[in-house]
Amino acid sequence: MEPLGFFLGVVTFNALVRLKEPMRKAAVTAVSQAMNFTEVAKGAAYGIKEEVEDIIAEAHYENMKNKMGPLNDYEGEVDQQYPEH
């Protein structure tokens, strides 16, 4: 039984040594693709974030503009109260 275990150990070690380089290349390729995907995802998230910020800023501007009302309405009141202006 001992020679069979030794033989299986040698075969397994030899297979691992031969597969080391292809496995390493596959791992490098997989990590590279994951990094590329991460960069694309970050870019998309940044674009969405910028778009949402623009929408919020525009909505804030519209709210402030609606709260102030038209400025022409107030000019007449000031002119009537203070004719020297």
C-alpha atoms as a PDB file:
ATOM      1  CA  MET A   1       0.000   0.000   0.000  1.00  0.00           C
ATOM      2  CA  GLU A   2       2.913   2.338   0.688  1.00  0.00           C
ATOM      3  CA  PRO A   3       4.217   2.361  -2.906  1.00  0.00           C
ATOM      4  CA  LEU A   4       0.736   3.248  -4.232  1.00  0.00           C
ATOM      5  CA  GLY A   5       0.478   6.279  -1.909  1.00  0.00           C
ATOM      6  CA  PHE A   6       3.953   7.396  -2.861  1.00  0.00           C
ATOM      7  CA  PHE A   7       3.156   6.979  -6.558  1.00  0.00           C
ATOM      8  CA  LEU A   8      -0.102   8.985  -6.210  1.00  0.00           C
ATOM      9  CA  GLY A   9       1.791  11.710  -4.350  1.00  0.00           C
ATOM     10  CA  VAL A  10       4.421  11.970  -7.094  1.00  0.00           C
ATOM     11  CA  VAL A  11       1.759  12.059  -9.822  1.00  0.00           C
ATOM     12  CA  THR A  12      -0.259  14.714  -7.973  1.00  0.00           C
ATOM     13  CA  PHE A  13       2.836  16.854  -7.358  1.00  0.00           C
ATOM     14  CA  ASN A  14       3.868  16.550 -11.000  1.00  0.00           C
ATOM     15  CA  ALA A  15       0.368  17.520 -12.176  1.00  0.00           C
ATOM     16  CA  LEU A  16       0.328  20.555  -9.897  1.00  0.00           C
ATOM     17  CA  VAL A  17       3.752  21.657 -11.128  1.00  0.00           C
ATOM     18  CA  ARG A  18       2.638  21.366 -14.749  1.00  0.00           C
ATOM     19  CA  LEU A  19      -0.666  23.145 -14.092  1.00  0.00           C
ATOM     20  CA  LYS A  20       0.908  25.950 -12.086  1.00  0.00           C
ATOM     21  CA  GLU A  21       1.587  28.264 -15.044  1.00  0.00           C
ATOM     22  CA  PRO A  22      -1.800  27.824 -16.810  1.00  0.00           C
ATOM     23  CA  MET A  23      -3.609  28.240 -13.478  1.00  0.00           C
ATOM     24  CA  ARG A  24      -1.600  31.380 -12.772  1.00  0.00           C
ATOM     25  CA  LYS A  25      -2.427  32.821 -16.206  1.00  0.00           C
ATOM     26  CA  ALA A  26      -6.101  32.035 -15.693  1.00  0.00           C
ATOM     27  CA  ALA A  27      -6.043  33.692 -12.263  1.00  0.00           C
ATOM     28  CA  VAL A  28      -4.311  36.804 -13.639  1.00  0.00           C
ATOM     29  CA  THR A  29      -6.855  37.027 -16.466  1.00  0.00           C
ATOM     30  CA  ALA A  30      -9.769  36.622 -14.055  1.00  0.00           C
ATOM     31  CA  VAL A  31      -8.459  39.315 -11.712  1.00  0.00           C
ATOM     32  CA  SER A  32      -7.761  41.626 -14.649  1.00  0.00           C
ATOM     33  CA  GLN A  33     -11.320  41.225 -15.928  1.00  0.00           C
ATOM     34  CA  ALA A  34     -12.701  41.831 -12.432  1.00  0.00           C
ATOM     35  CA  MET A  35     -10.664  45.029 -12.181  1.00  0.00           C
ATOM     36  CA  ASN A  36     -11.918  46.207 -15.590  1.00  0.00           C
ATOM     37  CA  PHE A  37     -15.502  45.497 -14.557  1.00  0.00           C
ATOM     38  CA  THR A  38     -14.950  47.432 -11.326  1.00  0.00           C
ATOM     39  CA  GLU A  39     -13.649  50.444 -13.263  1.00  0.00           C
ATOM     40  CA  VAL A  40     -16.653  50.377 -15.602  1.00  0.00           C
ATOM     41  CA  ALA A  41     -19.029  50.067 -12.639  1.00  0.00           C
ATOM     42  CA  LYS A  42     -17.339  52.983 -10.855  1.00  0.00           C
ATOM     43  CA  GLY A  43     -17.628  55.126 -13.982  1.00  0.00           C
ATOM     44  CA  ALA A  44     -21.317  54.292 -14.354  1.00  0.00           C
ATOM     45  CA  ALA A  45     -21.987  55.000 -10.680  1.00  0.00           C
ATOM     46  CA  TYR A  46     -20.168  58.327 -10.926  1.00  0.00           C
ATOM     47  CA  GLY A  47     -22.219  59.284 -13.988  1.00  0.00           C
ATOM     48  CA  ILE A  48     -25.466  58.404 -12.218  1.00  0.00           C
ATOM     49  CA  LYS A  49     -24.367  60.345  -9.138  1.00  0.00           C
ATOM     50  CA  GLU A  50     -23.615  63.434 -11.230  1.00  0.00           C
ATOM     51  CA  GLU A  51     -26.979  63.162 -12.985  1.00  0.00           C
ATOM     52  CA  VAL A  52     -28.849  62.891  -9.677  1.00  0.00           C
ATOM     53  CA  GLU A  53     -26.941  65.871  -8.270  1.00  0.00           C
ATOM     54  CA  ASP A  54     -27.869  67.932 -11.335  1.00  0.00           C
ATOM     55  CA  ILE A  55     -31.541  67.006 -10.964  1.00  0.00           C
ATOM     56  CA  ILE A  56     -31.508  67.898  -7.266  1.00  0.00           C
ATOM     57  CA  ALA A  57     -29.802  71.237  -7.938  1.00  0.00           C
ATOM     58  CA  GLU A  58     -32.283  72.077 -10.684  1.00  0.00           C
ATOM     59  CA  ALA A  59     -35.235  71.160  -8.441  1.00  0.00           C
ATOM     60  CA  HIS A  60     -33.782  73.286  -5.644  1.00  0.00           C
ATOM     61  CA  TYR A  61     -33.425  76.219  -8.033  1.00  0.00           C
ATOM     62  CA  GLU A  62     -37.019  75.817  -9.223  1.00  0.00           C
ATOM     63  CA  ASN A  63     -38.278  75.731  -5.625  1.00  0.00           C
ATOM     64  CA  MET A  64     -36.340  78.856  -4.707  1.00  0.00           C
ATOM     65  CA  LYS A  65     -37.581  80.629  -7.837  1.00  0.00           C
ATOM     66  CA  ASN A  66     -41.205  79.681  -7.079  1.00  0.00           C
ATOM     67  CA  LYS A  67     -40.902  80.837  -3.453  1.00  0.00           C
ATOM     68  CA  MET A  68     -39.545  84.227  -4.486  1.00  0.00           C
ATOM     69  CA  GLY A  69     -42.293  84.861  -7.010  1.00  0.00           C
ATOM     70  CA  PRO A  70     -41.945  87.258  -9.890  1.00  0.00           C
ATOM     71  CA  LEU A  71     -39.835  90.298  -9.035  1.00  0.00           C
ATOM     72  CA  ASN A  72     -41.947  92.597 -11.208  1.00  0.00           C
ATOM     73  CA  ASP A  73     -44.845  92.330  -8.744  1.00  0.00           C
ATOM     74  CA  TYR A  74     -42.753  93.889  -5.967  1.00  0.00           C
ATOM     75  CA  GLU A  75     -41.323  96.764  -7.995  1.00  0.00           C
ATOM     76  CA  GLY A  76     -44.699  98.498  -8.205  1.00  0.00           C
ATOM     77  CA  GLU A  77     -45.250  98.270  -4.455  1.00  0.00           C
ATOM     78  CA  VAL A  78     -41.859  99.792  -3.703  1.00  0.00           C
ATOM     79  CA  ASP A  79     -42.414 102.578  -6.227  1.00  0.00           C
ATOM     80  CA  GLN A  80     -45.797 103.447  -4.685  1.00  0.00           C
ATOM     81  CA  GLN A  81     -44.464 103.502  -1.127  1.00  0.00           C
ATOM     82  CA  TYR A  82     -41.257 105.334  -1.944  1.00  0.00           C
ATOM     83  CA  PRO A  83     -41.810 107.512  -5.002  1.00  0.00           C
ATOM     84  CA  GLU A  84     -38.297 108.968  -4.773  1.00  0.00           C
ATOM     85  CA  HIS A  85     -36.835 105.682  -6.013  1.00  0.00           C
END
